Amino acid sequence: MKDYYKINEISKLYGIGVDSLRYYEKLGILKPRRDTNGYRLYDLKDMYKLTVIRDLRKLDFSMAQIKEFLDGQCVDNTLSLLREEQELLDAQMTEIVRRKALIGKRISSLREAQRAEEGEIVLKRTGSRRCVRIEQYITRDEEMDFVIRKLQKKYEDRIQDLGTQTIGAFFAMDDMERGIANSYESVFFVMEDPGDEADFILPEGTYASLCYRGGYEQNADRVKDLQAYIRREGLAAAGTPFEIYRIDNRDTMREEEFLTEIQILLR
């Protein structure tokens, strides 16, 4: 085994860019010697430090933290660092478990949506749902996407993954009654954590529900179908119709695969 290695050899061995090695030298972490031609030569001590840097960077330690550790390395400092590593790993494991649960929930939701019967009207008993929303008149899909992103930005501390978020929108009923489809007055998210603050609550109760597949230009007709069913069955609506996007452009670019659920609260 050689005692010294050139910068290109170290770069290949550790998978660290030459510019990064020079940056570590600038910070004073690495102190390679120079040969007679001025080329940097790294010894075993430098290689040990690179191993520490690589491992700690994987745990998101800053270069300032790493330099402080290496400058004052002793058993007590190593124990302190190991405990900090342990805490970081615990936090990462907790996040992995949380993400895995979210993904599992989304898989189940998508599978259920794929099996859903299109055009069938059912009565669903639903618990209260805490929601946040933005009130904005929307008539185009591009506007809808923008408002959804805007709502996500506003509540990004509580909504970490838009792909698993339950999203809905209230129809602009003046337009709907004139037969104008794909027109909305507000967009909302259903919050997962019951302790989260809410702008409003979709109340507990029985909802008339209808699912349809395909583009949103048909939603005015589907709302009429649901309202006609409610009248025909001698029921009474207690709320404004809204949509829930069960399969949308977060999941597929094929419009024919979209699944949207319209719900109306009953008295």
C-alpha atoms as a PDB file:
ATOM      1  CA  MET A   1       0.000   0.000   0.000  1.00  0.00           C
ATOM      2  CA  LYS A   2       1.327   3.414  -0.959  1.00  0.00           C
ATOM      3  CA  ASP A   3       1.950   6.105   1.614  1.00  0.00           C
ATOM      4  CA  TYR A   4       0.753   8.936  -0.648  1.00  0.00           C
ATOM      5  CA  TYR A   5      -1.915   9.323  -3.312  1.00  0.00           C
ATOM      6  CA  LYS A   6      -2.480  12.031  -5.913  1.00  0.00           C
ATOM      7  CA  ILE A   7      -5.687  14.062  -6.029  1.00  0.00           C
ATOM      8  CA  ASN A   8      -7.141  12.170  -9.044  1.00  0.00           C
ATOM      9  CA  GLU A   9      -6.509   8.828  -7.334  1.00  0.00           C
ATOM     10  CA  ILE A  10      -8.253  10.019  -4.149  1.00  0.00           C
ATOM     11  CA  SER A  11     -11.137  11.445  -6.186  1.00  0.00           C
ATOM     12  CA  LYS A  12     -11.759   8.082  -7.896  1.00  0.00           C
ATOM     13  CA  LEU A  13     -11.249   6.044  -4.722  1.00  0.00           C
ATOM     14  CA  TYR A  14     -13.771   8.031  -2.654  1.00  0.00           C
ATOM     15  CA  GLY A  15     -16.100   9.211  -5.406  1.00  0.00           C
ATOM     16  CA  ILE A  16     -15.445  12.808  -4.356  1.00  0.00           C
ATOM     17  CA  GLY A  17     -14.941  15.521  -6.952  1.00  0.00           C
ATOM     18  CA  VAL A  18     -11.582  17.236  -7.292  1.00  0.00           C
ATOM     19  CA  ASP A  19     -13.225  20.594  -6.588  1.00  0.00           C
ATOM     20  CA  SER A  20     -14.625  19.231  -3.307  1.00  0.00           C
ATOM     21  CA  LEU A  21     -11.168  18.008  -2.264  1.00  0.00           C
ATOM     22  CA  ARG A  22      -9.733  21.439  -2.938  1.00  0.00           C
ATOM     23  CA  TYR A  23     -12.611  22.978  -0.942  1.00  0.00           C
ATOM     24  CA  TYR A  24     -11.838  20.727   2.045  1.00  0.00           C
ATOM     25  CA  GLU A  25      -8.232  21.890   1.821  1.00  0.00           C
ATOM     26  CA  LYS A  26      -9.365  25.513   1.736  1.00  0.00           C
ATOM     27  CA  LEU A  27     -11.379  24.912   4.924  1.00  0.00           C
ATOM     28  CA  GLY A  28      -8.251  23.509   6.567  1.00  0.00           C
ATOM     29  CA  ILE A  29      -9.715  20.039   7.032  1.00  0.00           C
ATOM     30  CA  LEU A  30      -7.288  18.349   4.635  1.00  0.00           C
ATOM     31  CA  LYS A  31      -3.636  19.356   4.490  1.00  0.00           C
ATOM     32  CA  PRO A  32      -2.003  17.464   1.614  1.00  0.00           C
ATOM     33  CA  ARG A  33       1.721  17.859   1.081  1.00  0.00           C
ATOM     34  CA  ARG A  34       3.185  18.845  -2.301  1.00  0.00           C
ATOM     35  CA  ASP A  35       5.702  16.919  -4.363  1.00  0.00           C
ATOM     36  CA  THR A  36       8.582  18.517  -6.257  1.00  0.00           C
ATOM     37  CA  ASN A  37       6.228  19.310  -9.162  1.00  0.00           C
ATOM     38  CA  GLY A  38       3.649  20.974  -6.892  1.00  0.00           C
ATOM     39  CA  TYR A  39       1.104  18.115  -7.095  1.00  0.00           C
ATOM     40  CA  ARG A  40      -1.000  17.429  -4.000  1.00  0.00           C
ATOM     41  CA  LEU A  41      -0.180  14.216  -2.172  1.00  0.00           C
ATOM     42  CA  TYR A  42      -2.650  12.751   0.342  1.00  0.00           C
ATOM     43  CA  ASP A  43      -1.517  10.457   3.131  1.00  0.00           C
ATOM     44  CA  LEU A  44      -3.357   7.884   5.265  1.00  0.00           C
ATOM     45  CA  LYS A  45      -4.379  10.567   7.780  1.00  0.00           C
ATOM     46  CA  ASP A  46      -6.111  12.501   4.998  1.00  0.00           C
ATOM     47  CA  MET A  47      -7.845   9.308   3.866  1.00  0.00           C
ATOM     48  CA  TYR A  48      -9.158   8.722   7.391  1.00  0.00           C
ATOM     49  CA  LYS A  49     -10.564  12.249   7.422  1.00  0.00           C
ATOM     50  CA  LEU A  50     -12.231  11.685   4.040  1.00  0.00           C
ATOM     51  CA  THR A  51     -13.930   8.575   5.427  1.00  0.00           C
ATOM     52  CA  VAL A  52     -15.290  10.658   8.325  1.00  0.00           C
ATOM     53  CA  ILE A  53     -16.405  13.423   5.955  1.00  0.00           C
ATOM     54  CA  ARG A  54     -18.178  10.959   3.635  1.00  0.00           C
ATOM     55  CA  ASP A  55     -20.024   9.229   6.466  1.00  0.00           C
ATOM     56  CA  LEU A  56     -21.086  12.431   8.213  1.00  0.00           C
ATOM     57  CA  ARG A  57     -22.179  14.148   5.005  1.00  0.00           C
ATOM     58  CA  LYS A  58     -24.560  11.213   4.404  1.00  0.00           C
ATOM     59  CA  LEU A  59     -26.186  12.186   7.700  1.00  0.00           C
ATOM     60  CA  ASP A  60     -26.447  15.837   6.606  1.00  0.00           C
ATOM     61  CA  PHE A  61     -23.761  17.160   8.968  1.00  0.00           C
ATOM     62  CA  SER A  62     -22.488  20.535   7.789  1.00  0.00           C
ATOM     63  CA  MET A  63     -18.841  21.011   6.869  1.00  0.00           C
ATOM     64  CA  ALA A  64     -18.524  23.397   9.833  1.00  0.00           C
ATOM     65  CA  GLN A  65     -19.704  20.632  12.200  1.00  0.00           C
ATOM     66  CA  ILE A  66     -17.345  18.122  10.626  1.00  0.00           C
ATOM     67  CA  LYS A  67     -14.374  20.486  10.874  1.00  0.00           C
ATOM     68  CA  GLU A  68     -15.164  21.205  14.518  1.00  0.00           C
ATOM     69  CA  PHE A  69     -15.249  17.490  15.271  1.00  0.00           C
ATOM     70  CA  LEU A  70     -11.994  16.712  13.463  1.00  0.00           C
ATOM     71  CA  ASP A  71     -10.177  19.694  14.999  1.00  0.00           C
ATOM     72  CA  GLY A  72     -11.083  18.641  18.535  1.00  0.00           C
ATOM     73  CA  GLN A  73     -11.347  14.893  18.144  1.00  0.00           C
ATOM     74  CA  CYS A  74     -11.190  12.961  21.400  1.00  0.00           C
ATOM     75  CA  VAL A  75     -13.153  10.133  23.010  1.00  0.00           C
ATOM     76  CA  ASP A  76     -15.700  12.483  24.621  1.00  0.00           C
ATOM     77  CA  ASN A  77     -16.257  14.316  21.340  1.00  0.00           C
ATOM     78  CA  THR A  78     -16.565  11.016  19.471  1.00  0.00           C
ATOM     79  CA  LEU A  79     -19.176   9.795  21.966  1.00  0.00           C
ATOM     80  CA  SER A  80     -21.080  13.061  21.587  1.00  0.00           C
ATOM     81  CA  LEU A  81     -20.972  12.757  17.808  1.00  0.00           C
ATOM     82  CA  LEU A  82     -22.098   9.133  17.916  1.00  0.00           C
ATOM     83  CA  ARG A  83     -25.073  10.077  20.088  1.00  0.00           C
ATOM     84  CA  GLU A  84     -25.955  12.831  17.606  1.00  0.00           C
ATOM     85  CA  GLU A  85     -25.659  10.333  14.738  1.00  0.00           C
ATOM     86  CA  GLN A  86     -27.935   7.981  16.652  1.00  0.00           C
ATOM     87  CA  GLU A  87     -30.570  10.693  17.108  1.00  0.00           C
ATOM     88  CA  LEU A  88     -30.400  11.592  13.422  1.00  0.00           C
ATOM     89  CA  LEU A  89     -30.817   7.955  12.412  1.00  0.00           C
ATOM     90  CA  ASP A  90     -33.782   7.596  14.761  1.00  0.00           C
ATOM     91  CA  ALA A  91     -35.389  10.646  13.157  1.00  0.00           C
ATOM     92  CA  GLN A  92     -34.721   9.270   9.673  1.00  0.00           C
ATOM     93  CA  MET A  93     -36.213   5.909  10.616  1.00  0.00           C
ATOM     94  CA  THR A  94     -39.318   7.641  11.987  1.00  0.00           C
ATOM     95  CA  GLU A  95     -39.665   9.568   8.727  1.00  0.00           C
ATOM     96  CA  ILE A  96     -39.196   6.404   6.664  1.00  0.00           C
ATOM     97  CA  VAL A  97     -41.937   4.645   8.639  1.00  0.00           C
ATOM     98  CA  ARG A  98     -44.230   7.681   8.170  1.00  0.00           C
ATOM     99  CA  ARG A  99     -43.532   7.815   4.436  1.00  0.00           C
ATOM    100  CA  LYS A 100     -44.054   4.060   4.069  1.00  0.00           C
ATOM    101  CA  ALA A 101     -47.449   4.347   5.778  1.00  0.00           C
ATOM    102  CA  LEU A 102     -48.460   7.235   3.469  1.00  0.00           C
ATOM    103  CA  ILE A 103     -47.410   5.286   0.385  1.00  0.00           C
ATOM    104  CA  GLY A 104     -49.296   2.214   1.600  1.00  0.00           C
ATOM    105  CA  LYS A 105     -52.388   4.340   2.127  1.00  0.00           C
ATOM    106  CA  ARG A 106     -52.073   5.829  -1.357  1.00  0.00           C
ATOM    107  CA  ILE A 107     -51.654   2.371  -2.936  1.00  0.00           C
ATOM    108  CA  SER A 108     -54.817   1.164  -1.195  1.00  0.00           C
ATOM    109  CA  SER A 109     -56.679   4.312  -2.262  1.00  0.00           C
ATOM    110  CA  LEU A 110     -55.661   3.941  -5.910  1.00  0.00           C
ATOM    111  CA  ARG A 111     -56.556   0.259  -5.999  1.00  0.00           C
ATOM    112  CA  GLU A 112     -59.958   1.040  -4.503  1.00  0.00           C
ATOM    113  CA  ALA A 113     -60.446   3.833  -7.049  1.00  0.00           C
ATOM    114  CA  GLN A 114     -59.607   1.483  -9.927  1.00  0.00           C
ATOM    115  CA  ARG A 115     -62.376  -0.862  -8.745  1.00  0.00           C
ATOM    116  CA  ALA A 116     -64.961   1.901  -8.221  1.00  0.00           C
ATOM    117  CA  GLU A 117     -68.182   1.649 -10.228  1.00  0.00           C
ATOM    118  CA  GLU A 118     -68.642   4.569 -12.591  1.00  0.00           C
ATOM    119  CA  GLY A 119     -72.064   6.219 -12.612  1.00  0.00           C
ATOM    120  CA  GLU A 120     -73.403   4.298  -9.606  1.00  0.00           C
ATOM    121  CA  ILE A 121     -75.028   6.531  -6.981  1.00  0.00           C
ATOM    122  CA  VAL A 122     -74.537   5.450  -3.386  1.00  0.00           C
ATOM    123  CA  LEU A 123     -75.253   6.911   0.033  1.00  0.00           C
ATOM    124  CA  LYS A 124     -72.122   7.149   2.182  1.00  0.00           C
ATOM    125  CA  ARG A 125     -71.945   7.788   5.917  1.00  0.00           C
ATOM    126  CA  THR A 126     -68.841   9.906   6.516  1.00  0.00           C
ATOM    127  CA  GLY A 127     -67.228  11.332   9.629  1.00  0.00           C
ATOM    128  CA  SER A 128     -66.350  15.002   9.903  1.00  0.00           C
ATOM    129  CA  ARG A 129     -63.409  16.129   7.761  1.00  0.00           C
ATOM    130  CA  ARG A 130     -61.213  19.076   8.744  1.00  0.00           C
ATOM    131  CA  CYS A 131     -60.196  21.111   5.697  1.00  0.00           C
ATOM    132  CA  VAL A 132     -58.219  24.126   4.526  1.00  0.00           C
ATOM    133  CA  ARG A 133     -59.110  25.990   1.361  1.00  0.00           C
ATOM    134  CA  ILE A 134     -58.539  28.876  -1.027  1.00  0.00           C
ATOM    135  CA  GLU A 135     -61.595  30.672  -2.402  1.00  0.00           C
ATOM    136  CA  GLN A 136     -60.977  31.512  -6.048  1.00  0.00           C
ATOM    137  CA  TYR A 137     -63.115  31.401  -9.165  1.00  0.00           C
ATOM    138  CA  ILE A 138     -61.644  28.777 -11.494  1.00  0.00           C
ATOM    139  CA  THR A 139     -62.690  27.878 -15.024  1.00  0.00           C
ATOM    140  CA  ARG A 140     -59.562  26.198 -16.463  1.00  0.00           C
ATOM    141  CA  ASP A 141     -57.487  23.169 -15.500  1.00  0.00           C
ATOM    142  CA  GLU A 142     -54.323  25.294 -15.528  1.00  0.00           C
ATOM    143  CA  GLU A 143     -55.879  27.623 -12.949  1.00  0.00           C
ATOM    144  CA  MET A 144     -56.837  24.644 -10.802  1.00  0.00           C
ATOM    145  CA  ASP A 145     -53.257  23.336 -10.803  1.00  0.00           C
ATOM    146  CA  PHE A 146     -51.941  26.774  -9.844  1.00  0.00           C
ATOM    147  CA  VAL A 147     -54.385  27.169  -6.950  1.00  0.00           C
ATOM    148  CA  ILE A 148     -53.569  23.661  -5.678  1.00  0.00           C
ATOM    149  CA  ARG A 149     -49.851  24.554  -5.617  1.00  0.00           C
ATOM    150  CA  LYS A 150     -50.672  27.840  -3.918  1.00  0.00           C
ATOM    151  CA  LEU A 151     -52.656  26.041  -1.222  1.00  0.00           C
ATOM    152  CA  GLN A 152     -49.833  23.539  -0.749  1.00  0.00           C
ATOM    153  CA  LYS A 153     -47.340  26.389  -0.331  1.00  0.00           C
ATOM    154  CA  LYS A 154     -49.527  28.037   2.295  1.00  0.00           C
ATOM    155  CA  TYR A 155     -49.717  24.851   4.375  1.00  0.00           C
ATOM    156  CA  GLU A 156     -46.396  23.226   3.438  1.00  0.00           C
ATOM    157  CA  ASP A 157     -45.508  22.682   7.104  1.00  0.00           C
ATOM    158  CA  ARG A 158     -48.470  20.272   7.339  1.00  0.00           C
ATOM    159  CA  ILE A 159     -48.672  18.995   3.755  1.00  0.00           C
ATOM    160  CA  GLN A 160     -45.397  17.333   2.885  1.00  0.00           C
ATOM    161  CA  ASP A 161     -46.477  15.170  -0.028  1.00  0.00           C
ATOM    162  CA  LEU A 162     -49.019  16.476  -2.527  1.00  0.00           C
ATOM    163  CA  GLY A 163     -49.218  13.022  -4.110  1.00  0.00           C
ATOM    164  CA  THR A 164     -50.951  11.565  -1.061  1.00  0.00           C
ATOM    165  CA  GLN A 165     -53.093  14.608  -0.255  1.00  0.00           C
ATOM    166  CA  THR A 166     -56.906  14.410  -0.558  1.00  0.00           C
ATOM    167  CA  ILE A 167     -57.915  17.322  -2.793  1.00  0.00           C
ATOM    168  CA  GLY A 168     -61.382  18.600  -3.596  1.00  0.00           C
ATOM    169  CA  ALA A 169     -63.190  21.602  -5.047  1.00  0.00           C
ATOM    170  CA  PHE A 170     -66.609  23.225  -4.596  1.00  0.00           C
ATOM    171  CA  PHE A 171     -68.511  23.929  -7.787  1.00  0.00           C
ATOM    172  CA  ALA A 172     -69.523  27.448  -8.814  1.00  0.00           C
ATOM    173  CA  MET A 173     -73.232  26.647  -8.678  1.00  0.00           C
ATOM    174  CA  ASP A 174     -74.407  29.719 -10.631  1.00  0.00           C
ATOM    175  CA  ASP A 175     -72.392  28.400 -13.574  1.00  0.00           C
ATOM    176  CA  MET A 176     -73.481  24.810 -12.945  1.00  0.00           C
ATOM    177  CA  GLU A 177     -77.160  25.745 -13.055  1.00  0.00           C
ATOM    178  CA  ARG A 178     -76.537  27.301 -16.480  1.00  0.00           C
ATOM    179  CA  GLY A 179     -74.913  24.053 -17.623  1.00  0.00           C
ATOM    180  CA  ILE A 180     -71.346  25.396 -17.506  1.00  0.00           C
ATOM    181  CA  ALA A 181     -69.019  22.548 -16.564  1.00  0.00           C
ATOM    182  CA  ASN A 182     -65.595  22.584 -14.913  1.00  0.00           C
ATOM    183  CA  SER A 183     -66.258  25.785 -12.971  1.00  0.00           C
ATOM    184  CA  TYR A 184     -65.349  26.165  -9.294  1.00  0.00           C
ATOM    185  CA  GLU A 185     -65.495  28.646  -6.444  1.00  0.00           C
ATOM    186  CA  SER A 186     -62.857  27.138  -4.122  1.00  0.00           C
ATOM    187  CA  VAL A 187     -60.274  24.380  -3.712  1.00  0.00           C
ATOM    188  CA  PHE A 188     -59.687  22.500  -0.469  1.00  0.00           C
ATOM    189  CA  PHE A 189     -57.434  19.909   1.156  1.00  0.00           C
ATOM    190  CA  VAL A 190     -58.716  17.380   3.666  1.00  0.00           C
ATOM    191  CA  MET A 191     -56.235  17.426   6.563  1.00  0.00           C
ATOM    192  CA  GLU A 192     -54.989  14.059   7.805  1.00  0.00           C
ATOM    193  CA  ASP A 193     -54.132  15.077  11.372  1.00  0.00           C
ATOM    194  CA  PRO A 194     -57.287  15.713  13.468  1.00  0.00           C
ATOM    195  CA  GLY A 195     -55.306  18.220  15.530  1.00  0.00           C
ATOM    196  CA  ASP A 196     -54.548  20.469  12.527  1.00  0.00           C
ATOM    197  CA  GLU A 197     -56.145  23.884  12.261  1.00  0.00           C
ATOM    198  CA  ALA A 198     -58.985  24.063   9.755  1.00  0.00           C
ATOM    199  CA  ASP A 199     -60.689  26.758   7.689  1.00  0.00           C
ATOM    200  CA  PHE A 200     -63.904  24.746   7.652  1.00  0.00           C
ATOM    201  CA  ILE A 201     -65.252  21.282   8.363  1.00  0.00           C
ATOM    202  CA  LEU A 202     -67.104  18.969   6.015  1.00  0.00           C
ATOM    203  CA  PRO A 203     -69.656  17.792   8.553  1.00  0.00           C
ATOM    204  CA  GLU A 204     -70.328  14.258   9.617  1.00  0.00           C
ATOM    205  CA  GLY A 205     -73.363  12.867   7.860  1.00  0.00           C
ATOM    206  CA  THR A 206     -74.755  10.976   4.901  1.00  0.00           C
ATOM    207  CA  TYR A 207     -73.584  12.048   1.463  1.00  0.00           C
ATOM    208  CA  ALA A 208     -75.016  11.137  -1.919  1.00  0.00           C
ATOM    209  CA  SER A 209     -72.005  10.098  -3.991  1.00  0.00           C
ATOM    210  CA  LEU A 210     -71.383   9.488  -7.694  1.00  0.00           C
ATOM    211  CA  CYS A 211     -68.077   8.609  -9.391  1.00  0.00           C
ATOM    212  CA  TYR A 212     -67.250   9.339 -13.026  1.00  0.00           C
ATOM    213  CA  ARG A 213     -64.221   8.615 -15.181  1.00  0.00           C
ATOM    214  CA  GLY A 214     -62.620  10.868 -17.776  1.00  0.00           C
ATOM    215  CA  GLY A 215     -62.431  14.616 -18.272  1.00  0.00           C
ATOM    216  CA  TYR A 216     -64.046  17.257 -16.099  1.00  0.00           C
ATOM    217  CA  GLU A 217     -66.168  18.745 -18.884  1.00  0.00           C
ATOM    218  CA  GLN A 218     -68.873  16.217 -17.952  1.00  0.00           C
ATOM    219  CA  ASN A 219     -69.200  17.246 -14.306  1.00  0.00           C
ATOM    220  CA  ALA A 220     -72.175  19.597 -14.834  1.00  0.00           C
ATOM    221  CA  ASP A 221     -74.202  16.680 -16.209  1.00  0.00           C
ATOM    222  CA  ARG A 222     -73.039  14.373 -13.413  1.00  0.00           C
ATOM    223  CA  VAL A 223     -74.112  16.932 -10.788  1.00  0.00           C
ATOM    224  CA  LYS A 224     -77.550  17.055 -12.433  1.00  0.00           C
ATOM    225  CA  ASP A 225     -77.719  13.246 -12.321  1.00  0.00           C
ATOM    226  CA  LEU A 226     -76.976  13.300  -8.591  1.00  0.00           C
ATOM    227  CA  GLN A 227     -79.473  16.093  -7.885  1.00  0.00           C
ATOM    228  CA  ALA A 228     -82.167  14.236  -9.883  1.00  0.00           C
ATOM    229  CA  TYR A 229     -81.536  11.096  -7.816  1.00  0.00           C
ATOM    230  CA  ILE A 230     -81.903  13.048  -4.587  1.00  0.00           C
ATOM    231  CA  ARG A 231     -85.261  14.482  -5.698  1.00  0.00           C
ATOM    232  CA  ARG A 232     -86.460  11.131  -7.036  1.00  0.00           C
ATOM    233  CA  GLU A 233     -85.687   9.403  -3.730  1.00  0.00           C
ATOM    234  CA  GLY A 234     -87.481  12.078  -1.698  1.00  0.00           C
ATOM    235  CA  LEU A 235     -84.218  13.240  -0.097  1.00  0.00           C
ATOM    236  CA  ALA A 236     -83.027  16.791   0.494  1.00  0.00           C
ATOM    237  CA  ALA A 237     -79.615  18.329  -0.072  1.00  0.00           C
ATOM    238  CA  ALA A 238     -77.999  20.198   2.822  1.00  0.00           C
ATOM    239  CA  GLY A 239     -74.834  21.442   1.161  1.00  0.00           C
ATOM    240  CA  THR A 240     -73.141  22.591  -2.041  1.00  0.00           C
ATOM    241  CA  PRO A 241     -71.920  19.807  -4.358  1.00  0.00           C
ATOM    242  CA  PHE A 242     -68.164  19.260  -4.453  1.00  0.00           C
ATOM    243  CA  GLU A 243     -65.651  16.999  -6.163  1.00  0.00           C
ATOM    244  CA  ILE A 244     -62.945  14.778  -4.675  1.00  0.00           C
ATOM    245  CA  TYR A 245     -60.089  13.862  -7.043  1.00  0.00           C
ATOM    246  CA  ARG A 246     -59.430  10.172  -6.456  1.00  0.00           C
ATOM    247  CA  ILE A 247     -57.315   9.629  -9.592  1.00  0.00           C
ATOM    248  CA  ASP A 248     -56.015  12.722 -11.375  1.00  0.00           C
ATOM    249  CA  ASN A 249     -52.915  14.130 -13.048  1.00  0.00           C
ATOM    250  CA  ARG A 250     -50.846  13.329  -9.954  1.00  0.00           C
ATOM    251  CA  ASP A 251     -51.310   9.661 -10.848  1.00  0.00           C
ATOM    252  CA  THR A 252     -51.743   9.475 -14.616  1.00  0.00           C
ATOM    253  CA  MET A 253     -51.510  11.545 -17.788  1.00  0.00           C
ATOM    254  CA  ARG A 254     -54.313   9.489 -19.362  1.00  0.00           C
ATOM    255  CA  GLU A 255     -57.528  11.458 -18.951  1.00  0.00           C
ATOM    256  CA  GLU A 256     -59.630   8.328 -19.450  1.00  0.00           C
ATOM    257  CA  GLU A 257     -58.113   6.957 -16.217  1.00  0.00           C
ATOM    258  CA  PHE A 258     -59.178   9.951 -14.098  1.00  0.00           C
ATOM    259  CA  LEU A 259     -61.693   9.093 -11.369  1.00  0.00           C
ATOM    260  CA  THR A 260     -63.616  11.904  -9.722  1.00  0.00           C
ATOM    261  CA  GLU A 261     -66.209  11.598  -6.973  1.00  0.00           C
ATOM    262  CA  ILE A 262     -69.050  14.108  -6.549  1.00  0.00           C
ATOM    263  CA  GLN A 263     -70.588  14.339  -3.088  1.00  0.00           C
ATOM    264  CA  ILE A 264     -73.640  16.197  -1.773  1.00  0.00           C
ATOM    265  CA  LEU A 265     -74.462  16.303   1.924  1.00  0.00           C
ATOM    266  CA  LEU A 266     -78.027  15.213   2.732  1.00  0.00           C
ATOM    267  CA  ARG A 267     -80.330  16.464   5.476  1.00  0.00           C
END
